[in-house]
């Protein structure tokens, strides 16, 4: 019958209460609500300067004193030792 086939199917997942741990592990396009994995961040250098950089930067980031803050790795940029960071927008 149409009612049993289309009307009352059991859902494999609860769409209203999605497990955040399970969502984080999924690909950015397979999540319930699509969002990118990249973000902007504020990085504080050892000299005290605060720079805004992109998490997946493809070029080396250097501050005013010549200190290399981050180097590209092919994915996320690798921050240098001695830097502190926070995600922008949080």
Foldseek 3Di string as FASTA:
>chain_A
DCCVVPPDDDDPDDPVDDDPVVQVPDDQVPHPDHDDPKAWKWKQAQVGDTDIDIQQDAQFDADPVRDTQWHHDNGGTDGDPRMDMDTPPD
